[in-house]
Amino acid sequence: MTERTTVRLLEDLLRLARRKAAAERRTLTSLIEDGLRLVLSEDRNPRKSKRLLPRVSRASGGPMPGIELTDFSALQEIDDLDSIRRTK
């Protein structure tokens, strides 16, 4: 059963949605339905990846050379590079 409802959208968003629906030769309703289905089907609890810690030197017990624990941007870059490696 279908129901009617009122949805308030920003003018720009509505204009873009109407253009997309027209370009695909479909109704605005079907475009909105597909968008809602897509959002509702997404996994809302994605698996948390295992957090990787900086490598530790066996000799000193501290971080490996070149890893500065007080430089947050460097740690973030290491984490980003490890994340990229894991996704490949």
PDB file of N, CA and C in Angstrom:
ATOM      1  N   MET A   1       0.842  -1.164   0.000  1.00  0.00           N
ATOM      2  CA  MET A   1       0.000   0.000   0.000  1.00  0.00           C
ATOM      3  C   MET A   1       0.902   1.246   0.000  1.00  0.00           C
ATOM      4  N   THR A   2       0.570   2.193  -0.797  1.00  0.00           N
ATOM      5  CA  THR A   2       1.333   3.440  -0.824  1.00  0.00           C
ATOM      6  C   THR A   2       0.626   4.507  -0.010  1.00  0.00           C
ATOM      7  N   GLU A   3       1.410   5.401   0.541  1.00  0.00           N
ATOM      8  CA  GLU A   3       0.864   6.498   1.329  1.00  0.00           C
ATOM      9  C   GLU A   3       1.432   7.805   0.842  1.00  0.00           C
ATOM     10  N   ARG A   4       0.705   8.858   1.078  1.00  0.00           N
ATOM     11  CA  ARG A   4       1.177  10.200   0.754  1.00  0.00           C
ATOM     12  C   ARG A   4       1.790  10.815   1.995  1.00  0.00           C
ATOM     13  N   THR A   5       2.817  11.607   1.772  1.00  0.00           N
ATOM     14  CA  THR A   5       3.434  12.314   2.873  1.00  0.00           C
ATOM     15  C   THR A   5       4.013  13.617   2.345  1.00  0.00           C
ATOM     16  N   THR A   6       4.310  14.514   3.225  1.00  0.00           N
ATOM     17  CA  THR A   6       4.941  15.771   2.849  1.00  0.00           C
ATOM     18  C   THR A   6       6.379  15.741   3.332  1.00  0.00           C
ATOM     19  N   VAL A   7       7.275  16.095   2.446  1.00  0.00           N
ATOM     20  CA  VAL A   7       8.692  16.142   2.776  1.00  0.00           C
ATOM     21  C   VAL A   7       9.197  17.535   2.430  1.00  0.00           C
ATOM     22  N   ARG A   8       9.896  18.133   3.345  1.00  0.00           N
ATOM     23  CA  ARG A   8      10.467  19.456   3.093  1.00  0.00           C
ATOM     24  C   ARG A   8      11.919  19.292   2.669  1.00  0.00           C
ATOM     25  N   LEU A   9      12.227  19.828   1.486  1.00  0.00           N
ATOM     26  CA  LEU A   9      13.578  19.738   0.938  1.00  0.00           C
ATOM     27  C   LEU A   9      14.067  21.125   0.561  1.00  0.00           C
ATOM     28  N   LEU A  10      15.355  21.304   0.616  1.00  0.00           N
ATOM     29  CA  LEU A  10      15.939  22.549   0.130  1.00  0.00           C
ATOM     30  C   LEU A  10      15.661  22.672  -1.362  1.00  0.00           C
ATOM     31  N   GLU A  11      15.441  23.894  -1.817  1.00  0.00           N
ATOM     32  CA  GLU A  11      15.099  24.113  -3.227  1.00  0.00           C
ATOM     33  C   GLU A  11      16.152  23.547  -4.170  1.00  0.00           C
ATOM     34  N   ASP A  12      17.427  23.768  -3.840  1.00  0.00           N
ATOM     35  CA  ASP A  12      18.505  23.272  -4.703  1.00  0.00           C
ATOM     36  C   ASP A  12      18.484  21.751  -4.803  1.00  0.00           C
ATOM     37  N   LEU A  13      18.274  21.083  -3.674  1.00  0.00           N
ATOM     38  CA  LEU A  13      18.235  19.621  -3.658  1.00  0.00           C
ATOM     39  C   LEU A  13      17.061  19.100  -4.470  1.00  0.00           C
ATOM     40  N   LEU A  14      15.925  19.721  -4.309  1.00  0.00           N
ATOM     41  CA  LEU A  14      14.737  19.309  -5.057  1.00  0.00           C
ATOM     42  C   LEU A  14      14.936  19.531  -6.549  1.00  0.00           C
ATOM     43  N   ARG A  15      15.525  20.652  -6.922  1.00  0.00           N
ATOM     44  CA  ARG A  15      15.767  20.934  -8.334  1.00  0.00           C
ATOM     45  C   ARG A  15      16.703  19.880  -8.940  1.00  0.00           C
ATOM     46  N   LEU A  16      17.767  19.550  -8.215  1.00  0.00           N
ATOM     47  CA  LEU A  16      18.702  18.534  -8.715  1.00  0.00           C
ATOM     48  C   LEU A  16      18.041  17.167  -8.815  1.00  0.00           C
ATOM     49  N   ALA A  17      17.226  16.837  -7.828  1.00  0.00           N
ATOM     50  CA  ALA A  17      16.532  15.545  -7.846  1.00  0.00           C
ATOM     51  C   ALA A  17      15.560  15.463  -9.026  1.00  0.00           C
ATOM     52  N   ARG A  18      14.846  16.543  -9.285  1.00  0.00           N
ATOM     53  CA  ARG A  18      13.915  16.550 -10.425  1.00  0.00           C
ATOM     54  C   ARG A  18      14.670  16.401 -11.733  1.00  0.00           C
ATOM     55  N   ARG A  19      15.808  17.079 -11.851  1.00  0.00           N
ATOM     56  CA  ARG A  19      16.613  16.959 -13.073  1.00  0.00           C
ATOM     57  C   ARG A  19      17.101  15.526 -13.279  1.00  0.00           C
ATOM     58  N   LYS A  20      17.578  14.927 -12.186  1.00  0.00           N
ATOM     59  CA  LYS A  20      18.083  13.550 -12.289  1.00  0.00           C
ATOM     60  C   LYS A  20      16.960  12.599 -12.669  1.00  0.00           C
ATOM     61  N   ALA A  21      15.808  12.744 -12.043  1.00  0.00           N
ATOM     62  CA  ALA A  21      14.667  11.890 -12.367  1.00  0.00           C
ATOM     63  C   ALA A  21      14.274  12.059 -13.829  1.00  0.00           C
ATOM     64  N   ALA A  22      14.243  13.292 -14.306  1.00  0.00           N
ATOM     65  CA  ALA A  22      13.879  13.539 -15.707  1.00  0.00           C
ATOM     66  C   ALA A  22      14.918  12.945 -16.651  1.00  0.00           C
ATOM     67  N   ALA A  23      16.183  13.093 -16.320  1.00  0.00           N
ATOM     68  CA  ALA A  23      17.249  12.558 -17.168  1.00  0.00           C
ATOM     69  C   ALA A  23      17.179  11.040 -17.256  1.00  0.00           C
ATOM     70  N   GLU A  24      16.715  10.403 -16.188  1.00  0.00           N
ATOM     71  CA  GLU A  24      16.602   8.940 -16.166  1.00  0.00           C
ATOM     72  C   GLU A  24      15.213   8.474 -16.594  1.00  0.00           C
ATOM     73  N   ARG A  25      14.368   9.433 -17.006  1.00  0.00           N
ATOM     74  CA  ARG A  25      13.003   9.143 -17.451  1.00  0.00           C
ATOM     75  C   ARG A  25      12.224   8.337 -16.409  1.00  0.00           C
ATOM     76  N   ARG A  26      12.231   8.879 -15.195  1.00  0.00           N
ATOM     77  CA  ARG A  26      11.508   8.238 -14.109  1.00  0.00           C
ATOM     78  C   ARG A  26      10.865   9.309 -13.250  1.00  0.00           C
ATOM     79  N   THR A  27      10.062   8.890 -12.324  1.00  0.00           N
ATOM     80  CA  THR A  27       9.386   9.850 -11.463  1.00  0.00           C
ATOM     81  C   THR A  27      10.288  10.249 -10.300  1.00  0.00           C
ATOM     82  N   LEU A  28       9.989  11.417  -9.754  1.00  0.00           N
ATOM     83  CA  LEU A  28      10.698  11.878  -8.574  1.00  0.00           C
ATOM     84  C   LEU A  28      10.454  10.897  -7.424  1.00  0.00           C
ATOM     85  N   THR A  29       9.250  10.380  -7.332  1.00  0.00           N
ATOM     86  CA  THR A  29       8.912   9.416  -6.275  1.00  0.00           C
ATOM     87  C   THR A  29       9.808   8.186  -6.352  1.00  0.00           C
ATOM     88  N   SER A  30      10.002   7.646  -7.557  1.00  0.00           N
ATOM     89  CA  SER A  30      10.823   6.435  -7.677  1.00  0.00           C
ATOM     90  C   SER A  30      12.280   6.728  -7.332  1.00  0.00           C
ATOM     91  N   LEU A  31      12.760   7.939  -7.671  1.00  0.00           N
ATOM     92  CA  LEU A  31      14.115   8.323  -7.319  1.00  0.00           C
ATOM     93  C   LEU A  31      14.278   8.395  -5.802  1.00  0.00           C
ATOM     94  N   ILE A  32      13.315   9.014  -5.126  1.00  0.00           N
ATOM     95  CA  ILE A  32      13.361   9.124  -3.666  1.00  0.00           C
ATOM     96  C   ILE A  32      13.257   7.745  -3.020  1.00  0.00           C
ATOM     97  N   GLU A  33      12.381   6.886  -3.553  1.00  0.00           N
ATOM     98  CA  GLU A  33      12.238   5.529  -3.009  1.00  0.00           C
ATOM     99  C   GLU A  33      13.563   4.774  -3.093  1.00  0.00           C
ATOM    100  N   ASP A  34      14.214   4.845  -4.255  1.00  0.00           N
ATOM    101  CA  ASP A  34      15.493   4.144  -4.416  1.00  0.00           C
ATOM    102  C   ASP A  34      16.547   4.696  -3.469  1.00  0.00           C
ATOM    103  N   GLY A  35      16.571   6.016  -3.293  1.00  0.00           N
ATOM    104  CA  GLY A  35      17.517   6.619  -2.371  1.00  0.00           C
ATOM    105  C   GLY A  35      17.283   6.165  -0.939  1.00  0.00           C
ATOM    106  N   LEU A  36      16.033   6.114  -0.526  1.00  0.00           N
ATOM    107  CA  LEU A  36      15.712   5.636   0.828  1.00  0.00           C
ATOM    108  C   LEU A  36      16.094   4.175   1.004  1.00  0.00           C
ATOM    109  N   ARG A  37      15.805   3.364  -0.009  1.00  0.00           N
ATOM    110  CA  ARG A  37      16.174   1.942   0.083  1.00  0.00           C
ATOM    111  C   ARG A  37      17.688   1.778   0.227  1.00  0.00           C
ATOM    112  N   LEU A  38      18.417   2.575  -0.527  1.00  0.00           N
ATOM    113  CA  LEU A  38      19.877   2.503  -0.466  1.00  0.00           C
ATOM    114  C   LEU A  38      20.380   2.871   0.923  1.00  0.00           C
ATOM    115  N   VAL A  39      19.884   3.956   1.473  1.00  0.00           N
ATOM    116  CA  VAL A  39      20.321   4.395   2.799  1.00  0.00           C
ATOM    117  C   VAL A  39      19.903   3.393   3.867  1.00  0.00           C
ATOM    118  N   LEU A  40      18.703   2.868   3.773  1.00  0.00           N
ATOM    119  CA  LEU A  40      18.215   1.940   4.788  1.00  0.00           C
ATOM    120  C   LEU A  40      18.900   0.581   4.722  1.00  0.00           C
ATOM    121  N   SER A  41      19.444   0.225   3.562  1.00  0.00           N
ATOM    122  CA  SER A  41      20.096  -1.079   3.434  1.00  0.00           C
ATOM    123  C   SER A  41      21.552  -1.040   3.877  1.00  0.00           C
ATOM    124  N   GLU A  42      22.113   0.158   4.056  1.00  0.00           N
ATOM    125  CA  GLU A  42      23.502   0.269   4.489  1.00  0.00           C
ATOM    126  C   GLU A  42      23.669  -0.320   5.872  1.00  0.00           C
ATOM    127  N   ASP A  43      24.827  -0.912   6.081  1.00  0.00           N
ATOM    128  CA  ASP A  43      25.150  -1.475   7.385  1.00  0.00           C
ATOM    129  C   ASP A  43      25.435  -0.328   8.341  1.00  0.00           C
ATOM    130  N   ARG A  44      24.593  -0.147   9.325  1.00  0.00           N
ATOM    131  CA  ARG A  44      24.748   0.959  10.259  1.00  0.00           C
ATOM    132  C   ARG A  44      25.797   0.680  11.330  1.00  0.00           C
ATOM    133  N   ASN A  45      26.242  -0.564  11.468  1.00  0.00           N
ATOM    134  CA  ASN A  45      27.261  -0.916  12.448  1.00  0.00           C
ATOM    135  C   ASN A  45      28.435  -1.571  11.730  1.00  0.00           C
ATOM    136  N   PRO A  46      29.199  -0.764  11.000  1.00  0.00           N
ATOM    137  CA  PRO A  46      30.317  -1.365  10.272  1.00  0.00           C
ATOM    138  C   PRO A  46      31.326  -1.976  11.235  1.00  0.00           C
ATOM    139  N   ARG A  47      31.964  -3.041  10.763  1.00  0.00           N
ATOM    140  CA  ARG A  47      32.973  -3.693  11.599  1.00  0.00           C
ATOM    141  C   ARG A  47      34.103  -2.724  11.891  1.00  0.00           C
ATOM    142  N   LYS A  48      34.519  -2.716  13.122  1.00  0.00           N
ATOM    143  CA  LYS A  48      35.654  -1.882  13.477  1.00  0.00           C
ATOM    144  C   LYS A  48      36.925  -2.641  13.123  1.00  0.00           C
ATOM    145  N   SER A  49      37.804  -1.949  12.402  1.00  0.00           N
ATOM    146  CA  SER A  49      39.051  -2.608  12.048  1.00  0.00           C
ATOM    147  C   SER A  49      39.975  -2.601  13.256  1.00  0.00           C
ATOM    148  N   LYS A  50      40.829  -3.592  13.277  1.00  0.00           N
ATOM    149  CA  LYS A  50      41.768  -3.701  14.385  1.00  0.00           C
ATOM    150  C   LYS A  50      42.740  -2.536  14.333  1.00  0.00           C
ATOM    151  N   ARG A  51      42.906  -1.875  15.434  1.00  0.00           N
ATOM    152  CA  ARG A  51      43.786  -0.707  15.511  1.00  0.00           C
ATOM    153  C   ARG A  51      45.231  -1.173  15.520  1.00  0.00           C
ATOM    154  N   LEU A  52      46.022  -0.631  14.618  1.00  0.00           N
ATOM    155  CA  LEU A  52      47.434  -0.973  14.562  1.00  0.00           C
ATOM    156  C   LEU A  52      48.224   0.034  15.369  1.00  0.00           C
ATOM    157  N   LEU A  53      49.108  -0.468  16.186  1.00  0.00           N
ATOM    158  CA  LEU A  53      49.963   0.387  16.999  1.00  0.00           C
ATOM    159  C   LEU A  53      51.290   0.588  16.287  1.00  0.00           C
ATOM    160  N   PRO A  54      51.970   1.681  16.579  1.00  0.00           N
ATOM    161  CA  PRO A  54      53.276   1.895  15.957  1.00  0.00           C
ATOM    162  C   PRO A  54      54.220   0.732  16.281  1.00  0.00           C
ATOM    163  N   ARG A  55      55.088   0.422  15.332  1.00  0.00           N
ATOM    164  CA  ARG A  55      56.048  -0.666  15.541  1.00  0.00           C
ATOM    165  C   ARG A  55      57.008  -0.329  16.667  1.00  0.00           C
ATOM    166  N   VAL A  56      57.383  -1.338  17.424  1.00  0.00           N
ATOM    167  CA  VAL A  56      58.259  -1.148  18.584  1.00  0.00           C
ATOM    168  C   VAL A  56      59.591  -1.839  18.313  1.00  0.00           C
ATOM    169  N   SER A  57      60.664  -1.157  18.687  1.00  0.00           N
ATOM    170  CA  SER A  57      61.997  -1.708  18.530  1.00  0.00           C
ATOM    171  C   SER A  57      62.233  -2.770  19.589  1.00  0.00           C
ATOM    172  N   ARG A  58      62.742  -3.926  19.188  1.00  0.00           N
ATOM    173  CA  ARG A  58      63.053  -4.985  20.157  1.00  0.00           C
ATOM    174  C   ARG A  58      64.252  -4.606  21.016  1.00  0.00           C
ATOM    175  N   ALA A  59      65.157  -3.820  20.452  1.00  0.00           N
ATOM    176  CA  ALA A  59      66.373  -3.448  21.180  1.00  0.00           C
ATOM    177  C   ALA A  59      66.091  -2.465  22.307  1.00  0.00           C
ATOM    178  N   SER A  60      65.329  -1.420  22.017  1.00  0.00           N
ATOM    179  CA  SER A  60      65.123  -0.380  23.025  1.00  0.00           C
ATOM    180  C   SER A  60      63.751  -0.446  23.689  1.00  0.00           C
ATOM    181  N   GLY A  61      62.817  -1.139  23.077  1.00  0.00           N
ATOM    182  CA  GLY A  61      61.460  -1.201  23.620  1.00  0.00           C
ATOM    183  C   GLY A  61      60.633   0.025  23.284  1.00  0.00           C
ATOM    184  N   GLY A  62      61.230   0.976  22.596  1.00  0.00           N
ATOM    185  CA  GLY A  62      60.531   2.196  22.196  1.00  0.00           C
ATOM    186  C   GLY A  62      60.095   2.105  20.744  1.00  0.00           C
ATOM    187  N   PRO A  63      59.587   3.194  20.232  1.00  0.00           N
ATOM    188  CA  PRO A  63      59.149   3.181  18.827  1.00  0.00           C
ATOM    189  C   PRO A  63      60.330   3.016  17.883  1.00  0.00           C
ATOM    190  N   MET A  64      60.049   2.471  16.720  1.00  0.00           N
ATOM    191  CA  MET A  64      61.074   2.292  15.701  1.00  0.00           C
ATOM    192  C   MET A  64      61.605   3.656  15.283  1.00  0.00           C
ATOM    193  N   PRO A  65      62.836   3.717  14.811  1.00  0.00           N
ATOM    194  CA  PRO A  65      63.388   4.995  14.351  1.00  0.00           C
ATOM    195  C   PRO A  65      62.484   5.624  13.292  1.00  0.00           C
ATOM    196  N   GLY A  66      62.323   6.935  13.384  1.00  0.00           N
ATOM    197  CA  GLY A  66      61.498   7.651  12.423  1.00  0.00           C
ATOM    198  C   GLY A  66      60.055   7.835  12.863  1.00  0.00           C
ATOM    199  N   ILE A  67      59.665   7.231  13.993  1.00  0.00           N
ATOM    200  CA  ILE A  67      58.306   7.381  14.493  1.00  0.00           C
ATOM    201  C   ILE A  67      58.345   8.289  15.716  1.00  0.00           C
ATOM    202  N   GLU A  68      57.748   9.447  15.580  1.00  0.00           N
ATOM    203  CA  GLU A  68      57.724  10.434  16.657  1.00  0.00           C
ATOM    204  C   GLU A  68      56.333  10.406  17.290  1.00  0.00           C
ATOM    205  N   LEU A  69      56.245   9.912  18.519  1.00  0.00           N
ATOM    206  CA  LEU A  69      54.949   9.737  19.177  1.00  0.00           C
ATOM    207  C   LEU A  69      54.276  11.054  19.562  1.00  0.00           C
ATOM    208  N   THR A  70      55.009  12.153  19.577  1.00  0.00           N
ATOM    209  CA  THR A  70      54.402  13.432  19.939  1.00  0.00           C
ATOM    210  C   THR A  70      53.889  14.199  18.718  1.00  0.00           C
ATOM    211  N   ASP A  71      54.133  13.677  17.519  1.00  0.00           N
ATOM    212  CA  ASP A  71      53.691  14.333  16.289  1.00  0.00           C
ATOM    213  C   ASP A  71      52.433  13.633  15.782  1.00  0.00           C
ATOM    214  N   PHE A  72      51.263  14.205  16.116  1.00  0.00           N
ATOM    215  CA  PHE A  72      49.993  13.560  15.778  1.00  0.00           C
ATOM    216  C   PHE A  72      49.821  13.389  14.277  1.00  0.00           C
ATOM    217  N   SER A  73      50.211  14.397  13.489  1.00  0.00           N
ATOM    218  CA  SER A  73      50.020  14.291  12.040  1.00  0.00           C
ATOM    219  C   SER A  73      50.868  13.168  11.452  1.00  0.00           C
ATOM    220  N   ALA A  74      52.056  12.936  11.992  1.00  0.00           N
ATOM    221  CA  ALA A  74      52.895  11.833  11.514  1.00  0.00           C
ATOM    222  C   ALA A  74      52.266  10.489  11.875  1.00  0.00           C
ATOM    223  N   LEU A  75      51.733  10.388  13.093  1.00  0.00           N
ATOM    224  CA  LEU A  75      51.058   9.148  13.490  1.00  0.00           C
ATOM    225  C   LEU A  75      49.830   8.898  12.621  1.00  0.00           C
ATOM    226  N   GLN A  76      49.079   9.965  12.316  1.00  0.00           N
ATOM    227  CA  GLN A  76      47.899   9.826  11.469  1.00  0.00           C
ATOM    228  C   GLN A  76      48.297   9.360  10.075  1.00  0.00           C
ATOM    229  N   GLU A  77      49.412   9.891   9.554  1.00  0.00           N
ATOM    230  CA  GLU A  77      49.883   9.482   8.238  1.00  0.00           C
ATOM    231  C   GLU A  77      50.270   8.005   8.234  1.00  0.00           C
ATOM    232  N   ILE A  78      50.947   7.545   9.267  1.00  0.00           N
ATOM    233  CA  ILE A  78      51.312   6.123   9.376  1.00  0.00           C
ATOM    234  C   ILE A  78      50.053   5.269   9.399  1.00  0.00           C
ATOM    235  N   ASP A  79      49.068   5.699  10.180  1.00  0.00           N
ATOM    236  CA  ASP A  79      47.806   4.968  10.273  1.00  0.00           C
ATOM    237  C   ASP A  79      47.106   4.926   8.913  1.00  0.00           C
ATOM    238  N   ASP A  80      47.090   6.061   8.197  1.00  0.00           N
ATOM    239  CA  ASP A  80      46.463   6.116   6.877  1.00  0.00           C
ATOM    240  C   ASP A  80      47.164   5.186   5.899  1.00  0.00           C
ATOM    241  N   LEU A  81      48.484   5.188   5.913  1.00  0.00           N
ATOM    242  CA  LEU A  81      49.233   4.317   5.003  1.00  0.00           C
ATOM    243  C   LEU A  81      48.982   2.849   5.316  1.00  0.00           C
ATOM    244  N   ASP A  82      48.929   2.490   6.607  1.00  0.00           N
ATOM    245  CA  ASP A  82      48.610   1.112   6.983  1.00  0.00           C
ATOM    246  C   ASP A  82      47.205   0.727   6.530  1.00  0.00           C
ATOM    247  N   SER A  83      46.263   1.658   6.656  1.00  0.00           N
ATOM    248  CA  SER A  83      44.891   1.402   6.238  1.00  0.00           C
ATOM    249  C   SER A  83      44.821   1.166   4.723  1.00  0.00           C
ATOM    250  N   ILE A  84      45.569   1.958   3.965  1.00  0.00           N
ATOM    251  CA  ILE A  84      45.608   1.785   2.503  1.00  0.00           C
ATOM    252  C   ILE A  84      46.192   0.428   2.149  1.00  0.00           C
ATOM    253  N   ARG A  85      47.267   0.042   2.836  1.00  0.00           N
ATOM    254  CA  ARG A  85      47.889  -1.263   2.588  1.00  0.00           C
ATOM    255  C   ARG A  85      46.921  -2.408   2.859  1.00  0.00           C
ATOM    256  N   ARG A  86      46.121  -2.272   3.921  1.00  0.00           N
ATOM    257  CA  ARG A  86      45.177  -3.348   4.279  1.00  0.00           C
ATOM    258  C   ARG A  86      44.051  -3.474   3.245  1.00  0.00           C
ATOM    259  N   THR A  87      43.653  -2.374   2.612  1.00  0.00           N
ATOM    260  CA  THR A  87      42.550  -2.441   1.666  1.00  0.00           C
ATOM    261  C   THR A  87      42.965  -2.974   0.308  1.00  0.00           C
ATOM    262  N   LYS A  88      44.255  -3.026   0.036  1.00  0.00           N
ATOM    263  CA  LYS A  88      44.728  -3.520  -1.274  1.00  0.00           C
ATOM    264  C   LYS A  88      44.722  -5.018  -1.324  1.00  0.00           C
TER     265      LYS A  88
END
